[in-house]
Amino acid sequence: MAMGPGKYDDEATAIREKLNAEGIILIVLGGDKGEGFSAQLNLEDSIKVPRILRVIADQIQFDMIDDLIEVQREKKKEKD
């Protein structure tokens, strides 16, 4: 991760402070400033980021597959 403020640093700060969080990773898709992210973490937590993002990605993929299976079941029921 690059050091220094990201383009969404002000928004990340506001959310982190509102939640009284020790750290935050904010990912923005299609925002006013374009796509980007801002991370405010201590060094110890920064080291955990790749693992955390992999867990999140795996869960998203699992949920998408589960949703697809359900859609296919519903379509099969409609045909029967």
Protein backbone atom coordinates (compact mmCIF):
# COMPACT_ATOMS: atom_id res chain seq x y z
CA MET A 1 0.00 0.00 0.00
CA ALA A 2 1.17 3.47 -0.77
CA MET A 3 1.95 5.71 2.16
CA GLY A 4 0.10 8.97 2.56
CA PRO A 5 -3.48 10.00 2.12
CA GLY A 6 -5.60 8.45 -0.61
CA LYS A 7 -8.23 10.27 -2.62
CA TYR A 8 -10.91 9.10 -0.17
CA ASP A 9 -8.90 9.75 2.99
CA ASP A 10 -11.28 12.42 4.35
CA GLU A 11 -14.26 10.06 3.99
CA ALA A 12 -12.32 7.19 5.58
CA THR A 13 -11.37 9.43 8.51
CA ALA A 14 -14.98 10.52 9.03
CA ILE A 15 -16.25 6.93 9.07
CA ARG A 16 -13.40 5.67 11.29
CA GLU A 17 -14.00 8.45 13.82
CA LYS A 18 -17.79 7.99 13.77
CA LEU A 19 -17.36 4.28 14.52
CA ASN A 20 -14.53 4.82 17.02
CA ALA A 21 -12.59 2.26 14.99
CA GLU A 22 -8.88 1.63 15.32
CA GLY A 23 -8.55 1.28 11.56
CA ILE A 24 -10.47 1.30 8.31
CA ILE A 25 -10.20 0.16 4.72
CA LEU A 26 -12.60 2.03 2.44
CA ILE A 27 -13.08 0.75 -1.11
CA VAL A 28 -15.04 3.03 -3.43
CA LEU A 29 -16.53 1.96 -6.76
CA GLY A 30 -17.88 4.66 -9.06
CA GLY A 31 -17.48 7.47 -6.55
CA ASP A 32 -17.35 11.22 -7.14
CA LYS A 33 -13.56 11.01 -7.30
CA GLY A 34 -13.53 7.83 -9.34
CA GLU A 35 -12.67 4.43 -8.02
CA GLY A 36 -10.13 4.06 -5.28
CA PHE A 37 -9.47 3.15 -1.70
CA SER A 38 -8.13 4.58 1.48
CA ALA A 39 -6.64 2.61 4.33
CA GLN A 40 -5.89 3.93 7.79
CA LEU A 41 -4.19 1.13 9.71
CA ASN A 42 -1.33 0.57 12.05
CA LEU A 43 1.58 -1.55 10.80
CA GLU A 44 0.42 -4.68 12.62
CA ASP A 45 -3.04 -4.49 11.02
CA SER A 46 -1.60 -3.58 7.61
CA ILE A 47 0.18 -6.93 7.53
CA LYS A 48 -3.21 -8.67 7.97
CA VAL A 49 -4.87 -6.90 5.02
CA PRO A 50 -4.04 -9.42 2.27
CA ARG A 51 -5.43 -12.29 4.36
CA ILE A 52 -8.56 -10.34 5.30
CA LEU A 53 -9.22 -9.40 1.66
CA ARG A 54 -8.78 -13.04 0.58
CA VAL A 55 -11.35 -14.15 3.17
CA ILE A 56 -13.77 -11.47 1.95
CA ALA A 57 -13.21 -12.45 -1.69
CA ASP A 58 -13.78 -16.13 -0.88
CA GLN A 59 -17.02 -15.30 0.95
CA ILE A 60 -18.28 -13.17 -1.95
CA GLN A 61 -17.49 -15.97 -4.39
CA PHE A 62 -19.18 -18.56 -2.16
CA ASP A 63 -22.29 -16.38 -1.83
CA MET A 64 -22.45 -15.81 -5.59
CA ILE A 65 -22.21 -19.54 -6.30
CA ASP A 66 -24.86 -20.26 -3.66
CA ASP A 67 -27.15 -17.62 -5.20
CA LEU A 68 -26.61 -19.07 -8.69
CA ILE A 69 -27.52 -22.55 -7.47
CA GLU A 70 -30.71 -21.17 -5.92
CA VAL A 71 -31.66 -19.38 -9.16
CA GLN A 72 -31.13 -22.59 -11.10
CA ARG A 73 -33.35 -24.50 -8.63
CA GLU A 74 -36.10 -21.92 -9.02
CA LYS A 75 -35.90 -22.10 -12.82
CA LYS A 76 -36.12 -25.88 -12.67
CA LYS A 77 -39.21 -25.66 -10.43
CA GLU A 78 -40.85 -23.29 -12.92
CA LYS A 79 -40.27 -25.76 -15.76
CA ASP A 80 -41.68 -28.70 -13.79
